[in-house]
Amino acid sequence: MQKAIIGQKVGMTQIFDEAGKVIPVTVIKAGPCVVAQVKTMERDGYKAVQLGFMDTKERKLSKGERGHFDKAGVSLKKHLKEFQLEGEYQTGDVIEATVFEAGDRIDVTGVSKGKGYAGAIKRHGYGRKSMSHGGGPVHRHLGSTGSGTDPSRVMPGKKMAGHMGDEQVTVLNLDVVKTSAEHGVIMVRGAVPGSRGNIVYIRNSVKNA
C-alpha cells in the first residue's frame, strides 16, 4: 500500500548505527494526520486521499473550511494536503509516524530557504571573469545575455540574477533510518528542504514504487 504523511521539520542531528558509523539525519515530527476526504474515480474522476495536520482554532478557518471538516466528522486542521495514493483509506483514519519503517525509501517535499536577491554566480553557478589583467570591476557580472542583431532581445527563461530560494523542492529517494512511536518522529538520512519548523510532505519514493 502506498503511504504518505505530513510533518514538521525539527532539525538535524546525528545517530550511530550498530557498527558505530555516524549517520547524519533530519528529524521530522510526522503526524498524527487524519484522513479528511477520500477522492474516488466514480465521483471525482481520480483517486486521492486528503490528509489534515495540526489542530487549529475555529476562528482561524473560513466558513467553507469549517464546513469541510464538519462534513468529514474530523477535528479542525491547519494544513491540508492531497496525495494520490492507492490503498484502503477511510475518512477519519489516523495516520502516524510509524506508517513508515526503517529501510523505507521516501520522497520529501518542502519549501526551500529563501536567499533573497542573488547574482547569477550564486543563483545558477556561472563562472566569474578573470581577477587580473584589467578584468575589473565586472568580475561577477552576468555578461552577454544574447545576440544584439537577431533576435535583439533577451529570450524568456534566460538564467539571470533574481530571487533565489523560497520555492517548492522535492528530494527523492531518502532513506528512513528510524521511527519513534513514542515521540512521533521520523529520522531521515541527509537533509530535507526548508528551515526548522517548515511543513514537509512525505510519501513513498516514486522511483522505488
N, C-alpha and C. Protein backbone atom coordinates (compact mmCIF):
# COMPACT_ATOMS: atom_id res chain seq x y z
N MET A 1 0.84 -1.20 0.00
CA MET A 1 0.00 0.00 0.00
C MET A 1 0.87 1.25 0.00
N GLN A 2 0.51 2.21 -0.82
CA GLN A 2 1.23 3.47 -0.84
C GLN A 2 0.92 4.26 0.43
N LYS A 3 1.92 4.98 0.91
CA LYS A 3 1.80 5.68 2.18
C LYS A 3 2.24 7.13 2.02
N ALA A 4 1.68 8.00 2.88
CA ALA A 4 2.07 9.41 2.89
C ALA A 4 1.72 10.00 4.25
N ILE A 5 2.38 11.09 4.58
CA ILE A 5 2.12 11.75 5.85
C ILE A 5 2.63 13.19 5.75
N ILE A 6 2.07 14.06 6.56
CA ILE A 6 2.52 15.45 6.65
C ILE A 6 3.31 15.60 7.95
N GLY A 7 4.39 16.36 7.90
CA GLY A 7 5.22 16.54 9.09
C GLY A 7 5.79 17.93 9.19
N GLN A 8 6.52 18.16 10.27
CA GLN A 8 7.16 19.44 10.52
C GLN A 8 8.64 19.20 10.80
N LYS A 9 9.49 19.90 10.09
CA LYS A 9 10.93 19.72 10.26
C LYS A 9 11.37 20.23 11.62
N VAL A 10 12.03 19.35 12.38
CA VAL A 10 12.52 19.72 13.71
C VAL A 10 13.95 20.22 13.63
N GLY A 11 14.77 19.58 12.83
CA GLY A 11 16.16 19.97 12.70
C GLY A 11 17.02 18.77 12.36
N MET A 12 18.35 18.97 12.38
CA MET A 12 19.27 17.88 12.04
C MET A 12 20.08 17.47 13.27
N THR A 13 20.45 16.21 13.28
CA THR A 13 21.31 15.67 14.33
C THR A 13 22.07 14.51 13.73
N GLN A 14 22.70 13.71 14.59
CA GLN A 14 23.38 12.52 14.10
C GLN A 14 23.14 11.36 15.05
N ILE A 15 23.08 10.17 14.47
CA ILE A 15 22.94 8.96 15.28
C ILE A 15 24.02 7.97 14.83
N PHE A 16 24.17 6.90 15.58
CA PHE A 16 25.20 5.90 15.27
C PHE A 16 24.52 4.56 14.97
N ASP A 17 25.01 3.88 13.94
CA ASP A 17 24.48 2.56 13.64
C ASP A 17 25.19 1.49 14.47
N GLU A 18 24.87 0.23 14.21
CA GLU A 18 25.43 -0.87 15.01
C GLU A 18 26.94 -0.95 14.91
N ALA A 19 27.48 -0.52 13.78
CA ALA A 19 28.93 -0.57 13.58
C ALA A 19 29.64 0.66 14.13
N GLY A 20 28.86 1.59 14.71
CA GLY A 20 29.45 2.81 15.25
C GLY A 20 29.67 3.90 14.23
N LYS A 21 29.10 3.74 13.04
CA LYS A 21 29.25 4.74 11.99
C LYS A 21 28.24 5.87 12.19
N VAL A 22 28.72 7.10 12.00
CA VAL A 22 27.85 8.26 12.17
C VAL A 22 26.92 8.42 10.97
N ILE A 23 25.64 8.63 11.26
CA ILE A 23 24.65 8.86 10.20
C ILE A 23 24.00 10.24 10.44
N PRO A 24 24.20 11.20 9.53
CA PRO A 24 23.51 12.49 9.68
C PRO A 24 22.03 12.34 9.32
N VAL A 25 21.16 12.79 10.19
CA VAL A 25 19.72 12.61 9.96
C VAL A 25 18.96 13.91 10.18
N THR A 26 17.85 14.03 9.47
CA THR A 26 16.89 15.10 9.73
C THR A 26 15.74 14.52 10.52
N VAL A 27 15.38 15.18 11.60
CA VAL A 27 14.28 14.73 12.45
C VAL A 27 13.00 15.45 12.02
N ILE A 28 11.97 14.68 11.72
CA ILE A 28 10.69 15.23 11.27
C ILE A 28 9.60 14.78 12.23
N LYS A 29 8.89 15.75 12.80
CA LYS A 29 7.71 15.44 13.63
C LYS A 29 6.56 15.15 12.68
N ALA A 30 6.27 13.88 12.49
CA ALA A 30 5.31 13.46 11.47
C ALA A 30 4.00 13.03 12.11
N GLY A 31 2.91 13.65 11.66
CA GLY A 31 1.59 13.27 12.15
C GLY A 31 1.38 13.68 13.59
N PRO A 32 0.29 13.18 14.20
CA PRO A 32 -0.73 12.35 13.54
C PRO A 32 -1.55 13.15 12.52
N CYS A 33 -1.83 12.50 11.41
CA CYS A 33 -2.66 13.11 10.36
C CYS A 33 -3.98 12.35 10.28
N VAL A 34 -5.03 13.08 9.96
CA VAL A 34 -6.35 12.46 9.84
C VAL A 34 -6.79 12.53 8.39
N VAL A 35 -7.44 11.48 7.91
CA VAL A 35 -7.97 11.47 6.55
C VAL A 35 -9.25 12.32 6.53
N ALA A 36 -9.18 13.47 5.87
CA ALA A 36 -10.31 14.39 5.83
C ALA A 36 -11.24 14.14 4.65
N GLN A 37 -10.72 13.50 3.60
CA GLN A 37 -11.55 13.22 2.42
C GLN A 37 -10.87 12.15 1.58
N VAL A 38 -11.69 11.30 0.96
CA VAL A 38 -11.19 10.28 0.04
C VAL A 38 -11.81 10.54 -1.32
N LYS A 39 -10.99 10.83 -2.33
CA LYS A 39 -11.46 11.07 -3.69
C LYS A 39 -11.55 9.73 -4.42
N THR A 40 -12.62 9.53 -5.16
CA THR A 40 -12.83 8.28 -5.89
C THR A 40 -12.95 8.54 -7.39
N MET A 41 -12.67 7.52 -8.17
CA MET A 41 -12.75 7.64 -9.62
C MET A 41 -14.18 7.91 -10.07
N GLU A 42 -15.15 7.29 -9.40
CA GLU A 42 -16.55 7.45 -9.80
C GLU A 42 -17.06 8.86 -9.54
N ARG A 43 -16.72 9.43 -8.40
CA ARG A 43 -17.25 10.73 -8.01
C ARG A 43 -16.38 11.91 -8.47
N ASP A 44 -15.06 11.73 -8.42
CA ASP A 44 -14.16 12.85 -8.67
C ASP A 44 -13.30 12.70 -9.92
N GLY A 45 -13.30 11.51 -10.52
CA GLY A 45 -12.52 11.31 -11.73
C GLY A 45 -11.09 10.90 -11.48
N TYR A 46 -10.68 10.81 -10.23
CA TYR A 46 -9.33 10.34 -9.90
C TYR A 46 -9.32 9.87 -8.45
N LYS A 47 -8.31 9.11 -8.09
CA LYS A 47 -8.20 8.60 -6.73
C LYS A 47 -7.18 9.41 -5.95
N ALA A 48 -7.55 9.82 -4.75
CA ALA A 48 -6.64 10.58 -3.91
C ALA A 48 -7.13 10.54 -2.47
N VAL A 49 -6.23 10.85 -1.56
CA VAL A 49 -6.53 10.91 -0.14
C VAL A 49 -6.09 12.27 0.38
N GLN A 50 -6.99 12.96 1.06
CA GLN A 50 -6.68 14.28 1.62
C GLN A 50 -6.39 14.13 3.12
N LEU A 51 -5.20 14.59 3.52
CA LEU A 51 -4.79 14.49 4.92
C LEU A 51 -4.79 15.86 5.58
N GLY A 52 -5.16 15.87 6.86
CA GLY A 52 -5.12 17.09 7.66
C GLY A 52 -4.09 16.95 8.76
N PHE A 53 -3.40 18.06 9.06
CA PHE A 53 -2.31 18.02 10.03
C PHE A 53 -2.34 19.26 10.91
N MET A 54 -2.13 19.09 12.18
CA MET A 54 -2.04 20.13 13.21
C MET A 54 -3.40 20.74 13.51
N ASP A 55 -3.85 20.59 14.74
CA ASP A 55 -5.12 21.17 15.16
C ASP A 55 -5.04 22.69 15.14
N THR A 56 -6.18 23.32 14.88
CA THR A 56 -6.24 24.77 14.86
C THR A 56 -7.56 25.24 15.45
N LYS A 57 -7.69 26.55 15.64
CA LYS A 57 -8.90 27.11 16.24
C LYS A 57 -9.94 27.44 15.16
N GLU A 58 -11.18 27.40 15.56
CA GLU A 58 -12.27 27.63 14.61
C GLU A 58 -12.19 29.02 13.97
N ARG A 59 -11.78 30.02 14.76
CA ARG A 59 -11.76 31.40 14.24
C ARG A 59 -10.69 31.60 13.16
N LYS A 60 -9.77 30.66 13.03
CA LYS A 60 -8.71 30.80 12.05
C LYS A 60 -9.04 30.16 10.71
N LEU A 61 -10.24 29.59 10.59
CA LEU A 61 -10.67 28.96 9.35
C LEU A 61 -11.87 29.69 8.79
N SER A 62 -12.02 29.61 7.48
CA SER A 62 -13.20 30.20 6.84
C SER A 62 -14.42 29.31 7.07
N LYS A 63 -15.58 29.84 6.75
CA LYS A 63 -16.82 29.08 6.93
C LYS A 63 -16.80 27.82 6.07
N GLY A 64 -16.30 27.95 4.84
CA GLY A 64 -16.23 26.79 3.95
C GLY A 64 -15.29 25.72 4.48
N GLU A 65 -14.15 26.15 5.03
CA GLU A 65 -13.19 25.19 5.59
C GLU A 65 -13.78 24.47 6.80
N ARG A 66 -14.47 25.22 7.65
CA ARG A 66 -15.09 24.58 8.82
C ARG A 66 -16.15 23.58 8.39
N GLY A 67 -16.91 23.94 7.35
CA GLY A 67 -17.93 23.02 6.84
C GLY A 67 -17.33 21.75 6.26
N HIS A 68 -16.17 21.89 5.64
CA HIS A 68 -15.49 20.73 5.06
C HIS A 68 -15.12 19.73 6.15
N PHE A 69 -14.59 20.22 7.27
CA PHE A 69 -14.21 19.34 8.36
C PHE A 69 -15.44 18.78 9.08
N ASP A 70 -16.48 19.61 9.22
CA ASP A 70 -17.70 19.13 9.87
C ASP A 70 -18.34 18.00 9.07
N LYS A 71 -18.34 18.13 7.75
CA LYS A 71 -18.92 17.10 6.89
C LYS A 71 -18.15 15.79 7.03
N ALA A 72 -16.82 15.89 7.18
CA ALA A 72 -16.00 14.69 7.33
C ALA A 72 -16.07 14.12 8.73
N GLY A 73 -16.52 14.95 9.68
CA GLY A 73 -16.60 14.49 11.06
C GLY A 73 -15.25 14.38 11.74
N VAL A 74 -14.31 15.27 11.35
CA VAL A 74 -12.97 15.25 11.95
C VAL A 74 -12.69 16.62 12.56
N SER A 75 -11.69 16.67 13.44
CA SER A 75 -11.33 17.93 14.10
C SER A 75 -10.72 18.90 13.10
N LEU A 76 -10.76 20.18 13.43
CA LEU A 76 -10.25 21.23 12.55
C LEU A 76 -8.73 21.13 12.44
N LYS A 77 -8.23 21.24 11.22
CA LYS A 77 -6.80 21.12 10.98
C LYS A 77 -6.26 22.36 10.27
N LYS A 78 -5.00 22.66 10.56
CA LYS A 78 -4.35 23.84 9.99
C LYS A 78 -3.88 23.61 8.57
N HIS A 79 -3.39 22.40 8.29
CA HIS A 79 -2.81 22.10 6.99
C HIS A 79 -3.57 20.95 6.33
N LEU A 80 -3.85 21.11 5.04
CA LEU A 80 -4.48 20.06 4.23
C LEU A 80 -3.59 19.78 3.03
N LYS A 81 -3.45 18.51 2.71
CA LYS A 81 -2.65 18.13 1.55
C LYS A 81 -3.24 16.87 0.94
N GLU A 82 -3.32 16.87 -0.39
CA GLU A 82 -3.88 15.74 -1.11
C GLU A 82 -2.77 14.90 -1.72
N PHE A 83 -2.85 13.60 -1.51
CA PHE A 83 -1.88 12.66 -2.07
C PHE A 83 -2.63 11.65 -2.94
N GLN A 84 -2.12 11.38 -4.11
CA GLN A 84 -2.72 10.37 -4.98
C GLN A 84 -2.16 9.01 -4.60
N LEU A 85 -2.88 8.33 -3.72
CA LEU A 85 -2.44 7.07 -3.16
C LEU A 85 -3.38 5.95 -3.55
N GLU A 86 -2.82 4.78 -3.67
CA GLU A 86 -3.60 3.57 -3.90
C GLU A 86 -3.64 2.80 -2.59
N GLY A 87 -4.82 2.49 -2.11
CA GLY A 87 -4.93 1.76 -0.85
C GLY A 87 -6.30 1.93 -0.23
N GLU A 88 -6.53 1.21 0.84
CA GLU A 88 -7.80 1.25 1.54
C GLU A 88 -7.76 2.30 2.64
N TYR A 89 -8.21 3.50 2.32
CA TYR A 89 -8.28 4.58 3.30
C TYR A 89 -9.74 4.98 3.49
N GLN A 90 -10.09 5.31 4.72
CA GLN A 90 -11.44 5.75 5.05
C GLN A 90 -11.36 7.10 5.77
N THR A 91 -12.39 7.93 5.56
CA THR A 91 -12.45 9.22 6.24
C THR A 91 -12.43 9.01 7.75
N GLY A 92 -11.57 9.76 8.41
CA GLY A 92 -11.43 9.64 9.85
C GLY A 92 -10.26 8.78 10.28
N ASP A 93 -9.65 8.04 9.35
CA ASP A 93 -8.47 7.24 9.70
C ASP A 93 -7.35 8.14 10.17
N VAL A 94 -6.60 7.68 11.15
CA VAL A 94 -5.47 8.44 11.68
C VAL A 94 -4.18 7.77 11.22
N ILE A 95 -3.28 8.58 10.65
CA ILE A 95 -2.00 8.09 10.16
C ILE A 95 -0.90 8.68 11.04
N GLU A 96 -0.06 7.82 11.58
CA GLU A 96 1.00 8.24 12.48
C GLU A 96 2.37 7.97 11.86
N ALA A 97 3.41 8.43 12.57
CA ALA A 97 4.78 8.34 12.04
C ALA A 97 5.19 6.90 11.76
N THR A 98 4.64 5.96 12.52
CA THR A 98 5.03 4.56 12.36
C THR A 98 4.48 3.92 11.09
N VAL A 99 3.76 4.68 10.28
CA VAL A 99 3.33 4.16 8.99
C VAL A 99 4.56 3.86 8.12
N PHE A 100 5.67 4.58 8.39
CA PHE A 100 6.93 4.30 7.71
C PHE A 100 7.84 3.52 8.66
N GLU A 101 8.70 2.70 8.09
CA GLU A 101 9.61 1.88 8.87
C GLU A 101 11.05 2.12 8.43
N ALA A 102 11.98 1.77 9.28
CA ALA A 102 13.39 1.88 8.93
C ALA A 102 13.67 1.05 7.67
N GLY A 103 14.38 1.66 6.73
CA GLY A 103 14.67 0.99 5.47
C GLY A 103 13.79 1.43 4.32
N ASP A 104 12.67 2.11 4.63
CA ASP A 104 11.79 2.62 3.56
C ASP A 104 12.50 3.72 2.78
N ARG A 105 12.16 3.82 1.51
CA ARG A 105 12.62 4.93 0.66
C ARG A 105 11.48 5.91 0.48
N ILE A 106 11.77 7.20 0.68
CA ILE A 106 10.72 8.21 0.63
C ILE A 106 11.16 9.42 -0.19
N ASP A 107 10.17 10.19 -0.64
CA ASP A 107 10.38 11.50 -1.25
C ASP A 107 9.84 12.55 -0.29
N VAL A 108 10.61 13.60 -0.07
CA VAL A 108 10.22 14.66 0.87
C VAL A 108 10.11 15.98 0.11
N THR A 109 8.95 16.62 0.22
CA THR A 109 8.69 17.90 -0.44
C THR A 109 8.54 19.00 0.59
N GLY A 110 9.20 20.12 0.35
CA GLY A 110 9.10 21.26 1.24
C GLY A 110 9.46 22.53 0.50
N VAL A 111 9.38 23.65 1.20
CA VAL A 111 9.75 24.95 0.63
C VAL A 111 11.16 25.29 1.08
N SER A 112 12.04 25.52 0.12
CA SER A 112 13.45 25.76 0.42
C SER A 112 13.64 27.10 1.12
N LYS A 113 14.78 27.24 1.76
CA LYS A 113 15.12 28.50 2.43
C LYS A 113 15.22 29.63 1.41
N GLY A 114 14.68 30.80 1.75
CA GLY A 114 14.80 31.96 0.87
C GLY A 114 16.17 32.60 1.02
N LYS A 115 16.81 32.89 -0.11
CA LYS A 115 18.14 33.52 -0.11
C LYS A 115 18.10 34.98 -0.52
N GLY A 116 16.89 35.49 -0.82
CA GLY A 116 16.80 36.87 -1.24
C GLY A 116 17.25 37.05 -2.68
N TYR A 117 17.65 38.30 -3.02
CA TYR A 117 18.11 38.61 -4.38
C TYR A 117 19.55 38.14 -4.51
N ALA A 118 19.82 37.32 -5.50
CA ALA A 118 21.16 36.76 -5.69
C ALA A 118 21.62 36.95 -7.12
N GLY A 119 22.93 37.05 -7.28
CA GLY A 119 23.51 37.20 -8.61
C GLY A 119 23.54 35.88 -9.36
N ALA A 120 23.94 35.95 -10.62
CA ALA A 120 23.91 34.77 -11.48
C ALA A 120 24.91 33.71 -11.03
N ILE A 121 26.03 34.12 -10.42
CA ILE A 121 27.03 33.15 -9.99
C ILE A 121 26.48 32.30 -8.84
N LYS A 122 25.92 32.94 -7.84
CA LYS A 122 25.37 32.21 -6.71
C LYS A 122 24.10 31.47 -7.09
N ARG A 123 23.27 32.09 -7.91
CA ARG A 123 21.96 31.52 -8.22
C ARG A 123 22.04 30.37 -9.21
N HIS A 124 22.92 30.48 -10.21
CA HIS A 124 22.94 29.48 -11.28
C HIS A 124 24.30 28.80 -11.47
N GLY A 125 25.29 29.19 -10.67
CA GLY A 125 26.58 28.53 -10.76
C GLY A 125 27.44 28.99 -11.91
N TYR A 126 27.23 30.20 -12.44
CA TYR A 126 28.06 30.72 -13.52
C TYR A 126 29.50 30.92 -13.02
N GLY A 127 30.47 30.90 -13.93
CA GLY A 127 31.85 31.19 -13.58
C GLY A 127 32.11 32.69 -13.61
N ARG A 128 33.09 33.12 -12.86
CA ARG A 128 33.42 34.54 -12.85
C ARG A 128 34.50 34.84 -13.88
N LYS A 129 34.72 36.12 -14.14
CA LYS A 129 35.75 36.54 -15.09
C LYS A 129 37.10 36.57 -14.39
N SER A 130 38.12 36.74 -15.19
CA SER A 130 39.47 36.78 -14.64
C SER A 130 39.61 37.87 -13.59
N MET A 131 40.35 37.57 -12.51
CA MET A 131 40.52 38.54 -11.43
C MET A 131 41.71 39.46 -11.67
N SER A 132 42.41 39.28 -12.79
CA SER A 132 43.59 40.12 -13.08
C SER A 132 43.56 40.57 -14.54
N HIS A 133 44.57 41.30 -14.93
CA HIS A 133 44.75 41.78 -16.30
C HIS A 133 43.57 42.62 -16.79
N GLY A 134 43.15 43.56 -15.95
CA GLY A 134 42.13 44.53 -16.38
C GLY A 134 40.74 43.99 -16.46
N GLY A 135 40.43 42.96 -15.72
CA GLY A 135 39.09 42.37 -15.78
C GLY A 135 38.04 43.14 -15.01
N GLY A 136 38.47 43.97 -14.07
CA GLY A 136 37.50 44.65 -13.21
C GLY A 136 36.85 45.83 -13.85
N PRO A 137 35.79 46.36 -13.23
CA PRO A 137 35.19 45.90 -11.98
C PRO A 137 33.95 45.01 -12.21
N VAL A 138 34.05 44.10 -13.18
CA VAL A 138 32.87 43.30 -13.56
C VAL A 138 33.14 41.81 -13.40
N HIS A 139 33.94 41.45 -12.38
CA HIS A 139 34.33 40.06 -12.22
C HIS A 139 33.13 39.12 -12.05
N ARG A 140 32.10 39.58 -11.37
CA ARG A 140 30.95 38.71 -11.09
C ARG A 140 29.69 39.14 -11.85
N HIS A 141 29.86 39.95 -12.88
CA HIS A 141 28.71 40.37 -13.67
C HIS A 141 28.25 39.24 -14.59
N LEU A 142 27.03 39.37 -15.07
CA LEU A 142 26.44 38.32 -15.89
C LEU A 142 27.08 38.20 -17.25
N GLY A 143 27.40 39.31 -17.88
CA GLY A 143 27.95 39.27 -19.24
C GLY A 143 26.84 39.32 -20.28
N SER A 144 27.14 38.88 -21.47
CA SER A 144 26.18 38.94 -22.58
C SER A 144 24.98 38.03 -22.31
N THR A 145 23.80 38.53 -22.67
CA THR A 145 22.58 37.73 -22.50
C THR A 145 21.95 37.35 -23.83
N GLY A 146 22.64 37.60 -24.94
CA GLY A 146 22.10 37.20 -26.23
C GLY A 146 22.60 38.07 -27.36
N SER A 147 22.18 37.76 -28.56
CA SER A 147 22.60 38.49 -29.75
C SER A 147 21.97 39.87 -29.80
N GLY A 148 22.75 40.86 -30.30
CA GLY A 148 22.22 42.22 -30.41
C GLY A 148 21.47 42.46 -31.70
N THR A 149 21.75 41.68 -32.73
CA THR A 149 21.12 41.90 -34.04
C THR A 149 19.83 41.09 -34.20
N ASP A 150 19.92 39.84 -33.94
CA ASP A 150 18.74 38.97 -34.06
C ASP A 150 18.83 37.90 -32.98
N PRO A 151 17.88 37.84 -32.07
CA PRO A 151 16.54 38.46 -32.08
C PRO A 151 16.46 39.82 -31.40
N SER A 152 17.58 40.40 -31.02
CA SER A 152 17.60 41.75 -30.44
C SER A 152 16.79 41.86 -29.16
N ARG A 153 16.76 40.80 -28.40
CA ARG A 153 16.07 40.83 -27.11
C ARG A 153 16.56 39.66 -26.27
N VAL A 154 16.25 39.71 -24.99
CA VAL A 154 16.59 38.61 -24.09
C VAL A 154 15.46 37.58 -24.15
N MET A 155 15.81 36.34 -24.43
CA MET A 155 14.80 35.31 -24.58
C MET A 155 14.22 34.92 -23.21
N PRO A 156 12.94 34.60 -23.17
CA PRO A 156 12.32 34.19 -21.90
C PRO A 156 13.01 32.96 -21.32
N GLY A 157 13.18 32.95 -20.01
CA GLY A 157 13.80 31.82 -19.35
C GLY A 157 15.30 31.95 -19.19
N LYS A 158 15.88 33.03 -19.68
CA LYS A 158 17.32 33.23 -19.54
C LYS A 158 17.70 33.26 -18.06
N LYS A 159 18.74 32.51 -17.70
CA LYS A 159 19.17 32.46 -16.31
C LYS A 159 19.93 33.73 -15.95
N MET A 160 19.30 34.52 -15.09
CA MET A 160 19.87 35.81 -14.71
C MET A 160 19.78 35.97 -13.19
N ALA A 161 20.23 37.12 -12.72
CA ALA A 161 20.11 37.42 -11.30
C ALA A 161 18.64 37.56 -10.92
N GLY A 162 18.32 37.27 -9.67
CA GLY A 162 16.93 37.39 -9.24
C GLY A 162 16.71 36.72 -7.90
N HIS A 163 15.43 36.55 -7.55
CA HIS A 163 15.07 35.96 -6.26
C HIS A 163 15.50 34.50 -6.23
N MET A 164 16.20 34.11 -5.17
CA MET A 164 16.72 32.76 -5.06
C MET A 164 16.09 32.05 -3.86
N GLY A 165 15.74 30.79 -4.05
CA GLY A 165 15.17 30.00 -2.97
C GLY A 165 13.69 30.29 -2.77
N ASP A 166 13.16 29.87 -1.61
CA ASP A 166 11.75 30.05 -1.27
C ASP A 166 10.85 29.48 -2.34
N GLU A 167 11.14 28.25 -2.77
CA GLU A 167 10.34 27.58 -3.77
C GLU A 167 10.19 26.11 -3.40
N GLN A 168 9.16 25.48 -3.94
CA GLN A 168 8.91 24.09 -3.60
C GLN A 168 9.98 23.19 -4.19
N VAL A 169 10.54 22.34 -3.35
CA VAL A 169 11.61 21.44 -3.76
C VAL A 169 11.27 20.04 -3.26
N THR A 170 11.52 19.03 -4.08
CA THR A 170 11.33 17.64 -3.68
C THR A 170 12.66 16.92 -3.75
N VAL A 171 13.04 16.29 -2.64
CA VAL A 171 14.26 15.48 -2.60
C VAL A 171 13.83 14.01 -2.69
N LEU A 172 14.40 13.30 -3.66
CA LEU A 172 13.97 11.94 -3.96
C LEU A 172 14.85 10.90 -3.27
N ASN A 173 14.25 9.74 -3.02
CA ASN A 173 14.98 8.55 -2.59
C ASN A 173 15.78 8.73 -1.31
N LEU A 174 15.17 9.28 -0.29
CA LEU A 174 15.83 9.37 1.01
C LEU A 174 15.52 8.12 1.82
N ASP A 175 16.46 7.74 2.67
CA ASP A 175 16.30 6.54 3.49
C ASP A 175 15.71 6.90 4.84
N VAL A 176 14.71 6.15 5.28
CA VAL A 176 14.21 6.26 6.65
C VAL A 176 15.14 5.44 7.53
N VAL A 177 15.81 6.12 8.46
CA VAL A 177 16.77 5.45 9.34
C VAL A 177 16.08 4.88 10.57
N LYS A 178 15.10 5.64 11.10
CA LYS A 178 14.47 5.24 12.35
C LYS A 178 13.14 5.96 12.51
N THR A 179 12.18 5.32 13.14
CA THR A 179 10.92 5.98 13.51
C THR A 179 10.67 5.74 14.99
N SER A 180 9.93 6.67 15.60
CA SER A 180 9.63 6.55 17.02
C SER A 180 8.14 6.76 17.23
N ALA A 181 7.46 5.73 17.72
CA ALA A 181 6.04 5.86 18.02
C ALA A 181 5.82 6.73 19.24
N GLU A 182 6.74 6.67 20.19
CA GLU A 182 6.61 7.44 21.43
C GLU A 182 6.67 8.94 21.18
N HIS A 183 7.60 9.36 20.33
CA HIS A 183 7.77 10.78 20.07
C HIS A 183 7.12 11.22 18.76
N GLY A 184 6.66 10.27 17.96
CA GLY A 184 6.01 10.60 16.70
C GLY A 184 6.93 11.25 15.69
N VAL A 185 8.17 10.74 15.59
CA VAL A 185 9.14 11.34 14.68
C VAL A 185 9.65 10.31 13.68
N ILE A 186 10.10 10.84 12.55
CA ILE A 186 10.78 10.05 11.53
C ILE A 186 12.17 10.64 11.35
N MET A 187 13.19 9.79 11.37
CA MET A 187 14.56 10.23 11.14
C MET A 187 14.96 9.82 9.74
N VAL A 188 15.37 10.80 8.94
CA VAL A 188 15.67 10.59 7.54
C VAL A 188 17.14 10.88 7.29
N ARG A 189 17.79 9.99 6.57
CA ARG A 189 19.21 10.19 6.26
C ARG A 189 19.39 11.42 5.35
N GLY A 190 20.24 12.35 5.75
CA GLY A 190 20.52 13.51 4.93
C GLY A 190 19.60 14.68 5.23
N ALA A 191 19.64 15.66 4.34
CA ALA A 191 18.91 16.92 4.54
C ALA A 191 17.61 16.93 3.75
N VAL A 192 16.64 17.68 4.25
CA VAL A 192 15.37 17.90 3.55
C VAL A 192 15.18 19.40 3.40
N PRO A 193 14.36 19.83 2.44
CA PRO A 193 14.23 21.26 2.17
C PRO A 193 13.63 22.04 3.34
N GLY A 194 14.03 23.30 3.45
CA GLY A 194 13.37 24.21 4.37
C GLY A 194 14.10 24.46 5.67
N SER A 195 13.57 25.42 6.41
CA SER A 195 14.10 25.77 7.72
C SER A 195 13.45 24.92 8.79
N ARG A 196 13.97 25.02 10.01
CA ARG A 196 13.33 24.35 11.15
C ARG A 196 11.92 24.90 11.33
N GLY A 197 10.98 23.99 11.52
CA GLY A 197 9.59 24.41 11.70
C GLY A 197 8.78 24.39 10.42
N ASN A 198 9.43 24.22 9.27
CA ASN A 198 8.71 24.17 8.00
C ASN A 198 7.89 22.89 7.87
N ILE A 199 6.76 23.00 7.16
CA ILE A 199 5.92 21.85 6.87
C ILE A 199 6.51 21.09 5.69
N VAL A 200 6.59 19.77 5.83
CA VAL A 200 7.09 18.93 4.73
C VAL A 200 6.08 17.81 4.46
N TYR A 201 6.09 17.32 3.23
CA TYR A 201 5.18 16.26 2.80
C TYR A 201 6.01 15.03 2.44
N ILE A 202 5.66 13.91 3.03
CA ILE A 202 6.42 12.67 2.87
C ILE A 202 5.55 11.62 2.22
N ARG A 203 6.11 10.90 1.25
CA ARG A 203 5.39 9.81 0.62
C ARG A 203 6.39 8.78 0.11
N ASN A 204 5.88 7.60 -0.29
CA ASN A 204 6.74 6.58 -0.85
C ASN A 204 7.52 7.13 -2.02
N SER A 205 8.73 6.66 -2.19
CA SER A 205 9.55 7.09 -3.32
C SER A 205 8.91 6.63 -4.63
N VAL A 206 8.77 7.54 -5.57
CA VAL A 206 8.14 7.19 -6.85
C VAL A 206 9.08 6.35 -7.72
N LYS A 207 10.38 6.42 -7.45
CA LYS A 207 11.34 5.66 -8.26
C LYS A 207 11.54 4.24 -7.74
N ASN A 208 10.98 3.97 -6.56
CA ASN A 208 11.08 2.63 -5.99
C ASN A 208 9.70 2.05 -5.70
N ALA A 209 8.69 2.52 -6.43
CA ALA A 209 7.32 2.06 -6.19
C ALA A 209 7.17 0.61 -6.63
